[in-house]
Protein backbone atom coordinates (compact mmCIF):
# COMPACT_ATOMS: atom_id res chain seq x y z
CA MET A 1 0.03 -0.27 0.13
CA LEU A 2 2.96 2.25 0.78
CA ARG A 3 4.06 1.76 -2.35
CA PHE A 4 1.17 2.24 -4.05
CA ILE A 5 0.74 5.79 -2.43
CA VAL A 6 4.76 6.63 -2.79
CA ARG A 7 4.05 5.73 -7.00
CA ARG A 8 0.82 7.78 -7.02
CA LEU A 9 2.59 10.74 -5.57
CA LEU A 10 5.35 10.70 -8.25
CA LEU A 11 3.54 10.15 -11.37
CA LEU A 12 1.65 13.48 -9.79
CA ILE A 13 4.93 15.29 -10.95
CA PRO A 14 4.79 14.98 -14.50
CA THR A 15 0.82 15.64 -14.47
CA LEU A 16 1.04 19.52 -12.88
CA LEU A 17 3.67 20.00 -15.48
CA GLY A 18 1.91 19.07 -17.86
CA ILE A 19 -0.85 20.60 -16.83
CA ALA A 20 1.15 23.88 -16.57
CA VAL A 21 2.02 23.90 -19.53
CA LEU A 22 -1.34 23.28 -21.13
CA ILE A 23 -2.59 26.32 -19.45
CA GLN A 24 -0.27 28.12 -20.66
CA LEU A 25 -1.23 27.04 -24.23
CA LEU A 26 -4.70 28.23 -23.66
CA MET A 27 -4.22 31.15 -22.05
CA MET A 28 -1.66 32.55 -25.15
CA ILE A 29 -4.54 31.17 -27.56
CA THR A 30 -7.15 33.12 -25.83
CA PRO A 31 -8.56 35.92 -27.00
CA GLY A 32 -8.59 38.91 -25.33
CA ASP A 33 -5.78 41.26 -24.52
CA PRO A 34 -5.28 41.65 -20.27
CA ILE A 35 -3.33 44.68 -20.36
CA GLU A 36 -6.25 45.86 -22.02
CA ILE A 37 -8.46 44.94 -19.78
CA LEU A 38 -7.04 45.99 -16.98
CA MET A 39 -6.23 49.67 -18.02
CA GLY A 40 -8.83 50.44 -20.01
CA SER A 41 -8.47 53.61 -22.48
CA ASN A 42 -7.16 56.14 -19.49
CA TYR A 43 -4.02 55.33 -20.61
CA THR A 44 -1.26 55.83 -23.25
CA GLN A 45 -0.19 53.01 -25.69
CA GLU A 46 3.39 53.42 -24.39
CA GLU A 47 2.76 53.08 -20.11
CA LYS A 48 0.63 50.22 -21.44
CA ASP A 49 3.67 48.19 -23.97
CA ALA A 50 5.75 49.14 -20.76
CA PHE A 51 3.72 46.98 -18.54
CA ARG A 52 2.71 44.27 -20.46
CA GLU A 53 7.36 44.15 -20.48
CA GLU A 54 7.34 44.77 -16.99
CA LEU A 55 4.39 41.56 -16.31
CA GLY A 56 6.33 39.52 -18.86
CA LEU A 57 3.26 39.05 -21.80
CA ASN A 58 6.53 40.06 -24.45
CA GLU A 59 8.18 36.78 -23.65
CA PRO A 60 7.95 33.67 -26.08
CA PHE A 61 5.44 31.08 -25.08
CA HIS A 62 8.41 28.72 -24.34
CA ILE A 63 10.25 31.22 -21.89
CA ARG A 64 7.30 31.81 -20.25
CA CYS A 65 6.34 28.70 -19.92
CA VAL A 66 10.66 28.04 -17.99
CA ASN A 67 10.44 31.39 -16.01
CA TYR A 68 6.99 30.09 -14.67
CA LEU A 69 8.10 26.48 -13.80
CA ARG A 70 11.44 27.52 -12.54
CA ASN A 71 9.95 29.85 -10.28
CA ILE A 72 7.44 27.63 -8.71
CA ILE A 73 10.42 24.80 -8.57
CA PHE A 74 12.93 26.84 -7.30
CA ARG A 75 11.46 29.69 -5.52
CA GLY A 76 8.16 28.76 -4.41
CA ASP A 77 6.95 32.29 -6.14
CA PHE A 78 3.29 31.28 -7.64
CA GLY A 79 3.89 35.09 -8.96
CA ILE A 80 1.68 38.46 -8.12
CA SER A 81 -1.77 38.84 -9.26
CA PHE A 82 -2.33 41.78 -12.09
CA ARG A 83 -4.87 42.89 -10.80
CA THR A 84 -4.44 43.49 -7.20
CA ARG A 85 -0.59 43.34 -6.94
CA THR A 86 -0.78 40.79 -4.00
CA PRO A 87 0.76 37.40 -3.90
CA VAL A 88 -1.03 34.58 -5.68
CA MET A 89 -0.74 31.47 -3.31
CA ARG A 90 -1.46 33.45 -0.65
CA GLU A 91 -4.91 34.69 -2.00
CA ILE A 92 -5.58 30.97 -2.25
CA LEU A 93 -4.77 29.61 0.75
CA ASN A 94 -6.56 32.53 2.45
CA ARG A 95 -9.73 31.86 0.19
CA TYR A 96 -9.71 28.13 -0.05
CA PRO A 97 -10.80 26.96 3.19
CA TYR A 98 -14.18 28.61 2.03
CA THR A 99 -14.25 26.51 -0.86
CA LEU A 100 -13.45 23.43 1.08
CA ARG A 101 -15.45 24.15 3.83
CA LEU A 102 -18.40 24.19 1.00
CA ILE A 103 -17.29 20.95 -0.83
CA LEU A 104 -16.76 19.40 2.26
CA VAL A 105 -20.32 20.27 3.61
CA SER A 106 -22.33 19.25 0.80
CA MET A 107 -20.87 16.61 -0.24
CA ALA A 108 -21.41 15.00 3.46
CA ILE A 109 -24.86 16.16 3.33
CA ALA A 110 -25.48 14.61 -0.67
CA ILE A 111 -24.39 11.17 0.69
CA CYS A 112 -26.49 10.89 3.78
CA ILE A 113 -29.45 11.67 1.32
CA GLY A 114 -28.51 9.65 -1.80
CA ILE A 115 -27.28 6.69 -0.62
CA PRO A 116 -29.89 5.82 2.01
CA ILE A 117 -32.97 6.70 -1.13
CA GLY A 118 -31.23 5.02 -2.96
CA ILE A 119 -31.43 1.86 -0.59
CA TYR A 120 -34.59 2.24 -0.03
CA ALA A 121 -35.67 2.54 -3.56
CA ALA A 122 -33.87 -0.99 -4.45
CA THR A 123 -35.88 -2.79 -1.64
CA HIS A 124 -38.90 -0.73 -2.37
CA GLN A 125 -38.80 -2.04 -6.44
CA TYR A 126 -41.52 -1.57 -9.05
CA SER A 127 -43.44 0.18 -5.99
CA TRP A 128 -45.00 3.92 -6.39
CA LYS A 129 -42.35 4.74 -3.58
CA ASP A 130 -39.48 3.93 -6.00
CA ASN A 131 -41.50 5.38 -9.02
CA ALA A 132 -41.86 8.62 -7.10
CA ALA A 133 -37.78 8.11 -5.63
CA MET A 134 -36.34 7.95 -9.05
CA ILE A 135 -38.71 10.63 -10.74
CA ALA A 136 -37.09 12.82 -8.58
CA ALA A 137 -33.74 12.40 -8.79
CA LEU A 138 -34.20 11.96 -11.79
CA PHE A 139 -35.49 16.41 -11.66
CA CYS A 140 -32.28 17.00 -9.41
CA VAL A 141 -30.50 15.71 -11.61
CA SER A 142 -31.30 17.60 -14.81
CA MET A 143 -32.14 20.85 -13.13
CA PRO A 144 -28.91 23.24 -13.43
CA SER A 145 -27.52 24.27 -10.03
CA PHE A 146 -27.78 27.88 -10.36
CA TRP A 147 -31.13 27.80 -11.29
CA PHE A 148 -32.14 25.91 -8.31
CA ALA A 149 -30.21 28.02 -5.94
CA LEU A 150 -32.03 31.04 -7.61
CA ILE A 151 -34.87 29.24 -6.61
CA LEU A 152 -34.53 29.45 -3.73
CA ILE A 153 -33.05 32.30 -2.83
CA GLN A 154 -36.98 33.66 -4.75
CA LEU A 155 -38.18 31.47 -2.12
CA LEU A 156 -36.68 31.12 1.15
CA CYS A 157 -34.72 34.14 0.96
CA VAL A 158 -37.13 37.30 -0.65
CA ARG A 159 -40.48 36.52 -0.38
CA PHE A 160 -40.10 34.54 3.48
CA GLY A 161 -37.05 35.85 4.73
CA ILE A 162 -36.00 32.72 6.24
CA LEU A 163 -32.27 32.97 5.32
CA PRO A 164 -29.72 35.20 4.40
CA VAL A 165 -29.05 35.89 0.81
CA SER A 166 -25.76 36.26 0.98
CA GLY A 167 -23.11 36.30 3.78
CA ILE A 168 -21.27 33.59 6.11
CA ASP A 169 -21.25 35.44 9.47
CA LYS A 170 -23.56 32.58 10.74
CA TRP A 171 -24.41 28.86 9.73
CA GLN A 172 -27.34 30.18 8.02
CA GLY A 173 -25.53 31.75 5.24
CA TRP A 174 -23.78 28.29 4.64
CA ILE A 175 -27.26 26.84 4.40
CA LEU A 176 -28.57 27.52 1.23
CA PRO A 177 -25.12 27.15 -0.93
CA ASN A 178 -24.50 23.73 0.48
CA PHE A 179 -28.17 22.19 -0.24
CA THR A 180 -28.04 23.77 -3.91
CA ILE A 181 -24.74 21.91 -4.52
CA ALA A 182 -25.65 18.75 -2.24
CA LEU A 183 -29.29 18.47 -4.40
CA GLY A 184 -28.01 16.72 -8.41
CA TYR A 185 -24.69 14.45 -6.55
CA SER A 186 -27.34 13.09 -3.93
CA ALA A 187 -29.78 12.78 -7.02
CA SER A 188 -27.44 10.95 -8.32
CA ILE A 189 -25.35 9.02 -5.78
CA ALA A 190 -29.30 7.59 -5.08
CA ARG A 191 -29.46 6.11 -8.97
CA GLN A 192 -25.98 4.72 -8.56
CA MET A 193 -26.84 3.36 -5.26
CA ARG A 194 -30.15 1.79 -6.36
CA SER A 195 -28.70 0.27 -9.09
CA ASN A 196 -26.12 -1.09 -7.42
CA MET A 197 -27.72 -3.01 -4.63
CA LEU A 198 -30.61 -4.49 -6.94
CA GLU A 199 -27.56 -6.20 -8.70
CA VAL A 200 -26.11 -7.27 -5.65
CA ILE A 201 -29.36 -8.30 -3.76
CA ARG A 202 -29.61 -10.59 -6.82
CA GLN A 203 -26.56 -12.42 -6.21
CA ASP A 204 -25.82 -15.85 -4.90
CA TYR A 205 -24.40 -15.28 -1.89
CA VAL A 206 -27.30 -13.32 -0.73
CA THR A 207 -29.13 -15.62 -1.99
CA THR A 208 -27.41 -18.11 0.06
CA ALA A 209 -27.22 -15.70 3.88
CA ARG A 210 -31.59 -15.68 3.13
CA ALA A 211 -31.60 -19.07 3.32
CA LYS A 212 -29.86 -20.01 6.72
CA GLY A 213 -31.96 -18.05 7.87
CA GLN A 214 -30.84 -14.57 8.56
CA SER A 215 -33.26 -11.61 8.78
CA GLU A 216 -33.60 -9.52 5.64
CA VAL A 217 -32.09 -6.41 7.23
CA MET A 218 -28.57 -8.59 8.37
CA VAL A 219 -28.95 -9.63 4.49
CA ARG A 220 -29.41 -6.06 3.40
CA TYR A 221 -27.33 -4.23 5.45
CA LYS A 222 -24.89 -6.76 6.32
CA HIS A 223 -23.83 -8.75 3.03
CA ALA A 224 -24.79 -6.36 0.31
CA LEU A 225 -24.83 -2.93 1.20
CA LYS A 226 -20.44 -3.80 1.78
CA ASN A 227 -20.23 -4.65 -1.68
CA ALA A 228 -23.17 -2.22 -3.17
CA VAL A 229 -21.67 0.72 -1.49
CA ILE A 230 -18.15 0.48 -3.69
CA PRO A 231 -19.05 1.90 -6.60
CA VAL A 232 -20.55 4.42 -5.58
CA ILE A 233 -17.33 5.17 -3.67
CA MET A 234 -15.61 4.85 -6.46
CA SER A 235 -17.79 7.64 -8.47
CA ILE A 236 -17.92 9.72 -5.18
CA GLY A 237 -13.75 10.44 -6.21
CA SER A 238 -14.86 12.02 -9.21
CA THR A 239 -18.45 13.78 -7.88
CA PHE A 240 -16.35 15.53 -6.01
CA GLY A 241 -13.88 16.86 -8.53
CA ILE A 242 -16.81 17.98 -10.76
CA ALA A 243 -17.79 19.40 -7.35
CA ILE A 244 -15.10 21.71 -6.86
CA GLY A 245 -15.35 23.34 -10.01
CA GLY A 246 -18.94 23.70 -10.06
CA SER A 247 -18.93 25.51 -6.84
CA MET A 248 -17.44 28.24 -9.13
CA ILE A 249 -21.08 29.58 -10.03
CA THR A 250 -23.10 29.10 -6.36
CA GLU A 251 -19.52 30.85 -5.01
CA GLN A 252 -20.90 33.36 -7.27
CA ILE A 253 -24.46 33.92 -6.85
CA PHE A 254 -24.42 33.24 -2.91
CA SER A 255 -21.39 36.47 -2.71
CA LEU A 256 -18.26 33.66 -0.88
CA PRO A 257 -15.15 34.86 -0.90
CA GLY A 258 -13.93 31.32 -1.92
CA LEU A 259 -11.70 30.21 -4.71
CA GLY A 260 -13.97 29.98 -7.22
CA ASN A 261 -15.03 33.16 -7.27
CA TYR A 262 -11.48 34.34 -7.11
CA THR A 263 -10.15 32.12 -10.28
CA LEU A 264 -14.23 33.37 -11.85
CA GLY A 265 -12.94 37.02 -11.52
CA ALA A 266 -9.62 36.17 -12.87
CA LEU A 267 -11.21 34.13 -15.85
CA THR A 268 -13.07 37.61 -16.63
CA SER A 269 -9.85 40.37 -16.10
CA ARG A 270 -7.16 37.92 -17.81
CA ASP A 271 -5.36 37.51 -14.79
CA TYR A 272 -3.24 35.06 -15.60
CA PRO A 273 -1.07 34.26 -12.43
CA VAL A 274 -4.13 33.86 -10.63
CA ILE A 275 -5.69 31.40 -13.55
CA GLN A 276 -2.24 29.53 -13.35
CA THR A 277 -1.78 28.89 -10.07
CA SER A 278 -6.18 27.95 -8.78
CA VAL A 279 -5.95 25.16 -11.99
CA LEU A 280 -2.70 23.77 -10.45
CA PHE A 281 -4.03 24.02 -6.58
CA LEU A 282 -7.32 22.66 -7.34
CA SER A 283 -5.43 20.27 -9.93
CA VAL A 284 -3.23 18.70 -6.91
CA VAL A 285 -6.66 18.59 -4.42
CA PHE A 286 -8.36 16.85 -7.08
CA ALA A 287 -5.29 14.44 -7.06
CA ILE A 288 -4.91 13.44 -3.53
CA ILE A 289 -8.99 13.09 -2.88
CA LEU A 290 -8.89 10.36 -5.91
CA LEU A 291 -5.43 8.98 -3.78
CA ILE A 292 -8.02 8.58 -0.47
CA ILE A 293 -10.49 7.56 -2.75
CA ASP A 294 -8.54 4.71 -3.57
CA ILE A 295 -7.17 3.76 -0.82
CA THR A 296 -10.51 3.77 0.98
CA PHE A 297 -11.96 2.04 -1.92
CA ALA A 298 -8.84 -0.92 -1.12
CA LEU A 299 -9.96 -0.96 2.97
CA VAL A 300 -13.18 -1.78 2.25
CA ASP A 301 -12.64 -4.37 -0.54
CA PRO A 302 -10.89 -7.14 0.68
CA ARG A 303 -10.04 -8.82 -2.66
CA ILE A 304 -8.02 -5.56 -3.75
CA ARG A 305 -5.80 -6.20 -0.20
CA ALA A 306 -5.16 -9.49 -1.10
CA GLN A 307 -4.23 -8.53 -4.77
CA TYR A 308 -1.40 -6.07 -2.81
CA ALA A 309 -0.27 -8.43 -0.49
CA ARG A 310 -0.18 -11.21 -3.53
CA LYS A 311 2.23 -8.64 -5.35
CA LYS A 312 4.14 -8.01 -2.13
CA LYS A 313 4.51 -11.61 -1.74
CA GLU A 314 6.25 -12.13 -5.05
CA ALA A 315 8.09 -8.92 -4.84
CA VAL A 316 9.73 -10.02 -1.77
CA ARG A 317 10.36 -13.43 -3.17
CA ARG A 318 12.28 -12.68 -6.70
CA VAL A 319 14.62 -10.35 -4.04
CA ALA A 320 15.10 -13.36 -2.52
CA LEU A 321 15.66 -15.30 -5.53
């Protein structure tokens, strides 16, 4: 297991280097001049050219890539924001806790809602309860999160005044953003959990457990659930990455000072250092999440542990020979 973790971390290095080069390429071919956006028409062309030279935007593509990677690797310098003239990494570290809290709480809500609903729908297959749960899940998956956020604001904030429209000074300000993100993912988890549960409860070992006289609750939650939840665990890892990207719109709607809102503002103003560092930072976080999911998958599935143990024994035997 330790060798697997080290190998995954080492593979992360060339992946991040490739992402950094790709970001540079995409920013080079993307239309729009950051100097024109930042300075507008209040400055002369000479002043704009001098500022462009100061930021290094006149340099060729390969020189900009080498300088950016060299500053990261040898100096730990991720650049200065074009807009605020502050270190980018400092801004990201100040804002990321808000995004992390939003995603973790939202995904926890989605898991706590989606898995029980999926199990309940599977154990009541073809009943009106199953049909109602799947229709609701289909509606939630198909519904854009920004539209749902606007509906919640109109009903709970504007009309009834139950919750605040924005602001996170109190815990009530987190309710709408969390449920906006959690709704669609809980529906997706419920649909997958139902499908996996239906497949598992038809297996021979489940039938054998029933034939031995075990209660239906024991059969469902001791034998069937452990195997049915394994594919869901794998999908949750990719769902985390999608949720990190989807949080941008939610943070923008609810005025949250998170990384998504910060990155979205950088995209509109062509703030290249912020865009590069934000994407790299999110890539590292996504890779770590996938690594944690893989480790959890190995702990849950005994077949994976047996495979790792077998490979370790083979390696020890080869060394001994």
